[in-house]
PDB file of N, CA and C in Angstrom:
ATOM      1  N   MET A   1       0.844  -1.160   0.000  1.00  0.00           N
ATOM      2  CA  MET A   1       0.000   0.000   0.000  1.00  0.00           C
ATOM      3  C   MET A   1       0.897   1.233   0.000  1.00  0.00           C
ATOM      4  N   GLN A   2       0.684   2.105  -0.930  1.00  0.00           N
ATOM      5  CA  GLN A   2       1.487   3.311  -1.031  1.00  0.00           C
ATOM      6  C   GLN A   2       0.699   4.518  -0.536  1.00  0.00           C
ATOM      7  N   SER A   3       1.403   5.437   0.081  1.00  0.00           N
ATOM      8  CA  SER A   3       0.791   6.675   0.555  1.00  0.00           C
ATOM      9  C   SER A   3       1.044   7.776  -0.457  1.00  0.00           C
ATOM     10  N   GLU A   4       0.080   8.633  -0.626  1.00  0.00           N
ATOM     11  CA  GLU A   4       0.250   9.810  -1.471  1.00  0.00           C
ATOM     12  C   GLU A   4      -0.038  11.039  -0.627  1.00  0.00           C
ATOM     13  N   ASN A   5       0.909  11.963  -0.580  1.00  0.00           N
ATOM     14  CA  ASN A   5       0.656  13.206   0.131  1.00  0.00           C
ATOM     15  C   ASN A   5       0.504  14.339  -0.881  1.00  0.00           C
ATOM     16  N   ASP A   6       0.271  15.542  -0.419  1.00  0.00           N
ATOM     17  CA  ASP A   6       0.011  16.679  -1.292  1.00  0.00           C
ATOM     18  C   ASP A   6       1.226  17.114  -2.092  1.00  0.00           C
ATOM     19  N   TYR A   7       2.379  16.567  -1.814  1.00  0.00           N
ATOM     20  CA  TYR A   7       3.603  17.031  -2.430  1.00  0.00           C
ATOM     21  C   TYR A   7       4.101  16.085  -3.517  1.00  0.00           C
ATOM     22  N   GLY A   8       3.328  15.036  -3.823  1.00  0.00           N
ATOM     23  CA  GLY A   8       3.691  14.144  -4.896  1.00  0.00           C
ATOM     24  C   GLY A   8       4.731  13.105  -4.525  1.00  0.00           C
ATOM     25  N   HIS A   9       5.088  13.003  -3.276  1.00  0.00           N
ATOM     26  CA  HIS A   9       6.081  12.012  -2.847  1.00  0.00           C
ATOM     27  C   HIS A   9       5.333  10.815  -2.277  1.00  0.00           C
ATOM     28  N   GLY A  10       5.126   9.808  -3.103  1.00  0.00           N
ATOM     29  CA  GLY A  10       4.361   8.659  -2.669  1.00  0.00           C
ATOM     30  C   GLY A  10       5.210   7.436  -2.421  1.00  0.00           C
ATOM     31  N   GLU A  11       6.487   7.603  -2.200  1.00  0.00           N
ATOM     32  CA  GLU A  11       7.369   6.455  -2.060  1.00  0.00           C
ATOM     33  C   GLU A  11       7.428   5.889  -0.648  1.00  0.00           C
ATOM     34  N   GLU A  12       6.803   6.515   0.309  1.00  0.00           N
ATOM     35  CA  GLU A  12       6.883   6.046   1.685  1.00  0.00           C
ATOM     36  C   GLU A  12       5.484   5.900   2.279  1.00  0.00           C
ATOM     37  N   ASP A  13       5.326   4.897   3.117  1.00  0.00           N
ATOM     38  CA  ASP A  13       4.034   4.631   3.740  1.00  0.00           C
ATOM     39  C   ASP A  13       3.858   5.432   5.025  1.00  0.00           C
ATOM     40  N   HIS A  14       2.640   5.878   5.257  1.00  0.00           N
ATOM     41  CA  HIS A  14       2.283   6.540   6.512  1.00  0.00           C
ATOM     42  C   HIS A  14       1.601   5.571   7.466  1.00  0.00           C
ATOM     43  N   MET A  15       1.424   4.326   7.024  1.00  0.00           N
ATOM     44  CA  MET A  15       0.793   3.315   7.857  1.00  0.00           C
ATOM     45  C   MET A  15       1.576   2.013   7.738  1.00  0.00           C
ATOM     46  N   VAL A  16       1.811   1.380   8.882  1.00  0.00           N
ATOM     47  CA  VAL A  16       2.487   0.090   8.919  1.00  0.00           C
ATOM     48  C   VAL A  16       1.566  -0.879   9.650  1.00  0.00           C
ATOM     49  N   THR A  17       1.408  -2.091   9.112  1.00  0.00           N
ATOM     50  CA  THR A  17       0.503  -3.084   9.680  1.00  0.00           C
ATOM     51  C   THR A  17       1.258  -4.377   9.947  1.00  0.00           C
ATOM     52  N   TYR A  18       1.007  -4.974  11.114  1.00  0.00           N
ATOM     53  CA  TYR A  18       1.594  -6.261  11.477  1.00  0.00           C
ATOM     54  C   TYR A  18       0.484  -7.199  11.910  1.00  0.00           C
ATOM     55  N   LYS A  19       0.592  -8.463  11.504  1.00  0.00           N
ATOM     56  CA  LYS A  19      -0.318  -9.495  11.994  1.00  0.00           C
ATOM     57  C   LYS A  19       0.483 -10.353  12.968  1.00  0.00           C
ATOM     58  N   MET A  20      -0.005 -10.438  14.203  1.00  0.00           N
ATOM     59  CA  MET A  20       0.689 -11.178  15.252  1.00  0.00           C
ATOM     60  C   MET A  20      -0.110 -12.435  15.575  1.00  0.00           C
ATOM     61  N   GLU A  21       0.563 -13.571  15.627  1.00  0.00           N
ATOM     62  CA  GLU A  21      -0.082 -14.830  15.990  1.00  0.00           C
ATOM     63  C   GLU A  21       0.770 -15.533  17.033  1.00  0.00           C
ATOM     64  N   GLY A  22       0.108 -16.289  17.915  1.00  0.00           N
ATOM     65  CA  GLY A  22       0.834 -17.064  18.916  1.00  0.00           C
ATOM     66  C   GLY A  22       1.431 -16.236  20.034  1.00  0.00           C
ATOM     67  N   LEU A  23       0.801 -15.120  20.362  1.00  0.00           N
ATOM     68  CA  LEU A  23       1.300 -14.306  21.471  1.00  0.00           C
ATOM     69  C   LEU A  23       1.097 -15.050  22.790  1.00  0.00           C
ATOM     70  N   PRO A  24       2.012 -14.923  23.734  1.00  0.00           N
ATOM     71  CA  PRO A  24       1.852 -15.615  25.026  1.00  0.00           C
ATOM     72  C   PRO A  24       0.546 -15.230  25.707  1.00  0.00           C
ATOM     73  N   GLY A  25      -0.226 -16.236  26.086  1.00  0.00           N
ATOM     74  CA  GLY A  25      -1.516 -15.998  26.727  1.00  0.00           C
ATOM     75  C   GLY A  25      -2.638 -15.725  25.755  1.00  0.00           C
ATOM     76  N   ARG A  26      -2.327 -15.588  24.470  1.00  0.00           N
ATOM     77  CA  ARG A  26      -3.334 -15.294  23.446  1.00  0.00           C
ATOM     78  C   ARG A  26      -3.097 -16.174  22.218  1.00  0.00           C
ATOM     79  N   GLU A  27      -2.775 -17.435  22.451  1.00  0.00           N
ATOM     80  CA  GLU A  27      -2.399 -18.334  21.365  1.00  0.00           C
ATOM     81  C   GLU A  27      -3.507 -18.557  20.349  1.00  0.00           C
ATOM     82  N   GLU A  28      -4.750 -18.501  20.781  1.00  0.00           N
ATOM     83  CA  GLU A  28      -5.876 -18.794  19.901  1.00  0.00           C
ATOM     84  C   GLU A  28      -6.347 -17.574  19.103  1.00  0.00           C
ATOM     85  N   GLU A  29      -5.803 -16.409  19.366  1.00  0.00           N
ATOM     86  CA  GLU A  29      -6.281 -15.183  18.725  1.00  0.00           C
ATOM     87  C   GLU A  29      -5.308 -14.705  17.653  1.00  0.00           C
ATOM     88  N   SER A  30      -5.856 -14.066  16.638  1.00  0.00           N
ATOM     89  CA  SER A  30      -5.051 -13.333  15.668  1.00  0.00           C
ATOM     90  C   SER A  30      -5.182 -11.851  16.007  1.00  0.00           C
ATOM     91  N   VAL A  31      -4.067 -11.168  16.050  1.00  0.00           N
ATOM     92  CA  VAL A  31      -4.054  -9.754  16.424  1.00  0.00           C
ATOM     93  C   VAL A  31      -3.393  -8.964  15.296  1.00  0.00           C
ATOM     94  N   TRP A  32      -4.049  -7.902  14.848  1.00  0.00           N
ATOM     95  CA  TRP A  32      -3.467  -7.004  13.877  1.00  0.00           C
ATOM     96  C   TRP A  32      -3.131  -5.699  14.588  1.00  0.00           C
ATOM     97  N   LEU A  33      -1.934  -5.195  14.353  1.00  0.00           N
ATOM     98  CA  LEU A  33      -1.492  -3.917  14.905  1.00  0.00           C
ATOM     99  C   LEU A  33      -1.288  -2.947  13.749  1.00  0.00           C
ATOM    100  N   ILE A  34      -1.872  -1.751  13.865  1.00  0.00           N
ATOM    101  CA  ILE A  34      -1.769  -0.729  12.832  1.00  0.00           C
ATOM    102  C   ILE A  34      -1.122   0.499  13.459  1.00  0.00           C
ATOM    103  N   PHE A  35      -0.017   0.945  12.873  1.00  0.00           N
ATOM    104  CA  PHE A  35       0.721   2.115  13.355  1.00  0.00           C
ATOM    105  C   PHE A  35       0.705   3.179  12.258  1.00  0.00           C
ATOM    106  N   MET A  36       0.421   4.434  12.648  1.00  0.00           N
ATOM    107  CA  MET A  36       0.339   5.498  11.653  1.00  0.00           C
ATOM    108  C   MET A  36       1.230   6.679  12.023  1.00  0.00           C
ATOM    109  N   GLU A  37       1.760   7.321  10.991  1.00  0.00           N
ATOM    110  CA  GLU A  37       2.569   8.538  11.116  1.00  0.00           C
ATOM    111  C   GLU A  37       1.689   9.724  10.749  1.00  0.00           C
ATOM    112  N   ASP A  38       1.748  10.794  11.547  1.00  0.00           N
ATOM    113  CA  ASP A  38       0.840  11.924  11.325  1.00  0.00           C
ATOM    114  C   ASP A  38       1.423  13.055  10.491  1.00  0.00           C
ATOM    115  N   ARG A  39       2.706  13.120  10.332  1.00  0.00           N
ATOM    116  CA  ARG A  39       3.313  14.246   9.625  1.00  0.00           C
ATOM    117  C   ARG A  39       3.754  13.837   8.218  1.00  0.00           C
ATOM    118  N   PRO A  40       3.745  14.786   7.273  1.00  0.00           N
ATOM    119  CA  PRO A  40       4.305  14.476   5.949  1.00  0.00           C
ATOM    120  C   PRO A  40       5.811  14.260   6.076  1.00  0.00           C
ATOM    121  N   PHE A  41       6.348  13.428   5.214  1.00  0.00           N
ATOM    122  CA  PHE A  41       7.774  13.126   5.312  1.00  0.00           C
ATOM    123  C   PHE A  41       8.650  14.292   4.882  1.00  0.00           C
ATOM    124  N   VAL A  42       8.196  15.056   3.909  1.00  0.00           N
ATOM    125  CA  VAL A  42       8.955  16.232   3.470  1.00  0.00           C
ATOM    126  C   VAL A  42       8.001  17.407   3.280  1.00  0.00           C
ATOM    127  N   LEU A  43       8.519  18.603   3.460  1.00  0.00           N
ATOM    128  CA  LEU A  43       7.770  19.845   3.228  1.00  0.00           C
ATOM    129  C   LEU A  43       8.610  20.768   2.360  1.00  0.00           C
ATOM    130  N   TYR A  44       7.941  21.576   1.577  1.00  0.00           N
ATOM    131  CA  TYR A  44       8.639  22.571   0.767  1.00  0.00           C
ATOM    132  C   TYR A  44       8.592  23.895   1.514  1.00  0.00           C
ATOM    133  N   ASP A  45       9.748  24.446   1.874  1.00  0.00           N
ATOM    134  CA  ASP A  45       9.788  25.688   2.650  1.00  0.00           C
ATOM    135  C   ASP A  45       9.909  26.933   1.782  1.00  0.00           C
ATOM    136  N   GLY A  46       9.673  26.800   0.489  1.00  0.00           N
ATOM    137  CA  GLY A  46       9.771  27.936  -0.419  1.00  0.00           C
ATOM    138  C   GLY A  46      10.990  27.829  -1.317  1.00  0.00           C
ATOM    139  N   CYS A  47      12.044  27.226  -0.838  1.00  0.00           N
ATOM    140  CA  CYS A  47      13.268  27.065  -1.624  1.00  0.00           C
ATOM    141  C   CYS A  47      13.716  25.605  -1.708  1.00  0.00           C
ATOM    142  N   ASN A  48      13.529  24.872  -0.614  1.00  0.00           N
ATOM    143  CA  ASN A  48      14.059  23.518  -0.525  1.00  0.00           C
ATOM    144  C   ASN A  48      13.020  22.564   0.054  1.00  0.00           C
ATOM    145  N   TRP A  49      13.239  21.292  -0.224  1.00  0.00           N
ATOM    146  CA  TRP A  49      12.464  20.240   0.429  1.00  0.00           C
ATOM    147  C   TRP A  49      13.172  19.899   1.730  1.00  0.00           C
ATOM    148  N   VAL A  50      12.448  19.947   2.850  1.00  0.00           N
ATOM    149  CA  VAL A  50      13.053  19.634   4.146  1.00  0.00           C
ATOM    150  C   VAL A  50      12.290  18.477   4.793  1.00  0.00           C
ATOM    151  N   LYS A  51      13.006  17.688   5.581  1.00  0.00           N
ATOM    152  CA  LYS A  51      12.376  16.578   6.285  1.00  0.00           C
ATOM    153  C   LYS A  51      11.488  17.115   7.400  1.00  0.00           C
ATOM    154  N   ALA A  52      10.255  16.604   7.474  1.00  0.00           N
ATOM    155  CA  ALA A  52       9.313  17.104   8.466  1.00  0.00           C
ATOM    156  C   ALA A  52       8.844  16.027   9.432  1.00  0.00           C
ATOM    157  N   SER A  53       8.988  14.781   9.044  1.00  0.00           N
ATOM    158  CA  SER A  53       8.453  13.690   9.855  1.00  0.00           C
ATOM    159  C   SER A  53       9.469  13.214  10.885  1.00  0.00           C
ATOM    160  N   ASP A  54       8.954  12.784  12.040  1.00  0.00           N
ATOM    161  CA  ASP A  54       9.822  12.170  13.037  1.00  0.00           C
ATOM    162  C   ASP A  54       9.907  10.653  12.851  1.00  0.00           C
ATOM    163  N   ARG A  55       9.065  10.104  11.969  1.00  0.00           N
ATOM    164  CA  ARG A  55       9.050   8.689  11.591  1.00  0.00           C
ATOM    165  C   ARG A  55       8.988   7.746  12.796  1.00  0.00           C
ATOM    166  N   ASP A  56       8.192   8.122  13.774  1.00  0.00           N
ATOM    167  CA  ASP A  56       8.072   7.257  14.955  1.00  0.00           C
ATOM    168  C   ASP A  56       6.913   6.272  14.849  1.00  0.00           C
ATOM    169  N   TYR A  57       5.953   6.518  13.978  1.00  0.00           N
ATOM    170  CA  TYR A  57       4.805   5.642  13.743  1.00  0.00           C
ATOM    171  C   TYR A  57       4.061   5.285  15.023  1.00  0.00           C
ATOM    172  N   ASN A  58       4.052   6.163  15.996  1.00  0.00           N
ATOM    173  CA  ASN A  58       3.281   5.908  17.217  1.00  0.00           C
ATOM    174  C   ASN A  58       2.250   7.003  17.460  1.00  0.00           C
ATOM    175  N   ASP A  59       1.905   7.741  16.423  1.00  0.00           N
ATOM    176  CA  ASP A  59       0.961   8.835  16.566  1.00  0.00           C
ATOM    177  C   ASP A  59      -0.483   8.353  16.638  1.00  0.00           C
ATOM    178  N   PHE A  60      -0.749   7.226  16.010  1.00  0.00           N
ATOM    179  CA  PHE A  60      -2.078   6.618  16.079  1.00  0.00           C
ATOM    180  C   PHE A  60      -1.867   5.112  15.968  1.00  0.00           C
ATOM    181  N   VAL A  61      -2.218   4.386  17.016  1.00  0.00           N
ATOM    182  CA  VAL A  61      -1.996   2.941  17.066  1.00  0.00           C
ATOM    183  C   VAL A  61      -3.334   2.253  17.329  1.00  0.00           C
ATOM    184  N   VAL A  62      -3.633   1.217  16.533  1.00  0.00           N
ATOM    185  CA  VAL A  62      -4.879   0.473  16.665  1.00  0.00           C
ATOM    186  C   VAL A  62      -4.536  -1.005  16.805  1.00  0.00           C
ATOM    187  N   GLU A  63      -5.212  -1.682  17.735  1.00  0.00           N
ATOM    188  CA  GLU A  63      -5.087  -3.132  17.869  1.00  0.00           C
ATOM    189  C   GLU A  63      -6.437  -3.754  17.545  1.00  0.00           C
ATOM    190  N   ILE A  64      -6.441  -4.690  16.607  1.00  0.00           N
ATOM    191  CA  ILE A  64      -7.659  -5.381  16.206  1.00  0.00           C
ATOM    192  C   ILE A  64      -7.474  -6.857  16.530  1.00  0.00           C
ATOM    193  N   THR A  65      -8.421  -7.415  17.280  1.00  0.00           N
ATOM    194  CA  THR A  65      -8.353  -8.821  17.670  1.00  0.00           C
ATOM    195  C   THR A  65      -9.549  -9.561  17.094  1.00  0.00           C
ATOM    196  N   ALA A  66      -9.265 -10.656  16.413  1.00  0.00           N
ATOM    197  CA  ALA A  66     -10.324 -11.493  15.848  1.00  0.00           C
ATOM    198  C   ALA A  66     -10.654 -12.589  16.853  1.00  0.00           C
ATOM    199  N   ILE A  67     -11.853 -12.520  17.407  1.00  0.00           N
ATOM    200  CA  ILE A  67     -12.303 -13.503  18.389  1.00  0.00           C
ATOM    201  C   ILE A  67     -13.554 -14.160  17.823  1.00  0.00           C
ATOM    202  N   PRO A  68     -13.549 -15.478  17.646  1.00  0.00           N
ATOM    203  CA  PRO A  68     -14.745 -16.132  17.112  1.00  0.00           C
ATOM    204  C   PRO A  68     -15.920 -16.015  18.084  1.00  0.00           C
ATOM    205  N   GLU A  69     -17.065 -15.715  17.537  1.00  0.00           N
ATOM    206  CA  GLU A  69     -18.266 -15.579  18.357  1.00  0.00           C
ATOM    207  C   GLU A  69     -18.841 -16.974  18.637  1.00  0.00           C
ATOM    208  N   PRO A  70     -19.086 -17.320  19.891  1.00  0.00           N
ATOM    209  CA  PRO A  70     -19.569 -18.661  20.225  1.00  0.00           C
ATOM    210  C   PRO A  70     -20.902 -19.017  19.561  1.00  0.00           C
ATOM    211  N   ALA A  71     -21.816 -18.076  19.455  1.00  0.00           N
ATOM    212  CA  ALA A  71     -23.124 -18.368  18.867  1.00  0.00           C
ATOM    213  C   ALA A  71     -22.984 -18.742  17.396  1.00  0.00           C
ATOM    214  N   THR A  72     -22.128 -18.044  16.664  1.00  0.00           N
ATOM    215  CA  THR A  72     -21.920 -18.350  15.256  1.00  0.00           C
ATOM    216  C   THR A  72     -21.287 -19.718  15.092  1.00  0.00           C
ATOM    217  N   LEU A  73     -20.313 -20.026  15.935  1.00  0.00           N
ATOM    218  CA  LEU A  73     -19.684 -21.347  15.871  1.00  0.00           C
ATOM    219  C   LEU A  73     -20.686 -22.448  16.187  1.00  0.00           C
ATOM    220  N   CYS A  74     -21.565 -22.205  17.131  1.00  0.00           N
ATOM    221  CA  CYS A  74     -22.586 -23.182  17.502  1.00  0.00           C
ATOM    222  C   CYS A  74     -23.548 -23.407  16.335  1.00  0.00           C
ATOM    223  N   LEU A  75     -23.998 -22.344  15.687  1.00  0.00           N
ATOM    224  CA  LEU A  75     -24.886 -22.480  14.537  1.00  0.00           C
ATOM    225  C   LEU A  75     -24.208 -23.222  13.391  1.00  0.00           C
ATOM    226  N   PHE A  76     -22.955 -22.944  13.175  1.00  0.00           N
ATOM    227  CA  PHE A  76     -22.199 -23.638  12.134  1.00  0.00           C
ATOM    228  C   PHE A  76     -22.123 -25.136  12.432  1.00  0.00           C
ATOM    229  N   ALA A  77     -21.856 -25.479  13.688  1.00  0.00           N
ATOM    230  CA  ALA A  77     -21.770 -26.889  14.087  1.00  0.00           C
ATOM    231  C   ALA A  77     -23.123 -27.588  13.927  1.00  0.00           C
ATOM    232  N   ILE A  78     -24.213 -26.936  14.327  1.00  0.00           N
ATOM    233  CA  ILE A  78     -25.552 -27.527  14.188  1.00  0.00           C
ATOM    234  C   ILE A  78     -25.890 -27.727  12.714  1.00  0.00           C
ATOM    235  N   GLY A  79     -25.590 -26.758  11.888  1.00  0.00           N
ATOM    236  CA  GLY A  79     -25.839 -26.878  10.451  1.00  0.00           C
ATOM    237  C   GLY A  79     -25.049 -28.013   9.827  1.00  0.00           C
ATOM    238  N   THR A  80     -23.804 -28.158  10.249  1.00  0.00           N
ATOM    239  CA  THR A  80     -22.979 -29.262   9.741  1.00  0.00           C
ATOM    240  C   THR A  80     -23.561 -30.610  10.158  1.00  0.00           C
ATOM    241  N   LEU A  81     -23.989 -30.722  11.390  1.00  0.00           N
ATOM    242  CA  LEU A  81     -24.578 -31.978  11.851  1.00  0.00           C
ATOM    243  C   LEU A  81     -25.873 -32.289  11.103  1.00  0.00           C
ATOM    244  N   LEU A  82     -26.703 -31.287  10.851  1.00  0.00           N
ATOM    245  CA  LEU A  82     -27.951 -31.501  10.123  1.00  0.00           C
ATOM    246  C   LEU A  82     -27.702 -31.928   8.684  1.00  0.00           C
ATOM    247  N   LEU A  83     -26.685 -31.371   8.075  1.00  0.00           N
ATOM    248  CA  LEU A  83     -26.364 -31.745   6.692  1.00  0.00           C
ATOM    249  C   LEU A  83     -25.832 -33.179   6.622  1.00  0.00           C
ATOM    250  N   ARG A  84     -25.118 -33.609   7.620  1.00  0.00           N
ATOM    251  CA  ARG A  84     -24.535 -34.956   7.626  1.00  0.00           C
ATOM    252  C   ARG A  84     -25.588 -36.028   7.871  1.00  0.00           C
ATOM    253  N   LYS A  85     -26.683 -35.693   8.567  1.00  0.00           N
ATOM    254  CA  LYS A  85     -27.713 -36.684   8.885  1.00  0.00           C
ATOM    255  C   LYS A  85     -28.645 -36.957   7.727  1.00  0.00           C
ATOM    256  N   ARG A  86     -28.729 -36.070   6.751  1.00  0.00           N
ATOM    257  CA  ARG A  86     -29.639 -36.280   5.632  1.00  0.00           C
ATOM    258  C   ARG A  86     -29.113 -37.382   4.715  1.00  0.00           C
ATOM    259  N   PRO A  87     -30.056 -38.191   4.153  1.00  0.00           N
ATOM    260  CA  PRO A  87     -29.622 -39.296   3.272  1.00  0.00           C
ATOM    261  C   PRO A  87     -29.151 -38.816   1.919  1.00  0.00           C
TER     262      PRO A  87
END
C-alpha cells in the first residue's frame, strides 16, 4: 500500500501493519497492529524540500483482535450436523 501526500512524494508509507499470531496468553487469537505517522515526510519551505516527519509511527496505534463468536460457531456446528444426517 502506497501513501500519497500533497507534495507528490508517494514512495513512503504513513501506515504500517503487522499481523501477530501465537502471542503468550493469546495463542488462539489473531491480532493485527496498525501504526500510523501523522506528519508528511517532506515539506517545501519555499526554496528547498526539508524533512518534516519524526518517523516514529506511534501517533495513532490500533489493535484489532479477531475472536470467534460462540453463537456463530454453535450455529455452524448444528448446520454441519444436520447436513450430515440427511440421506
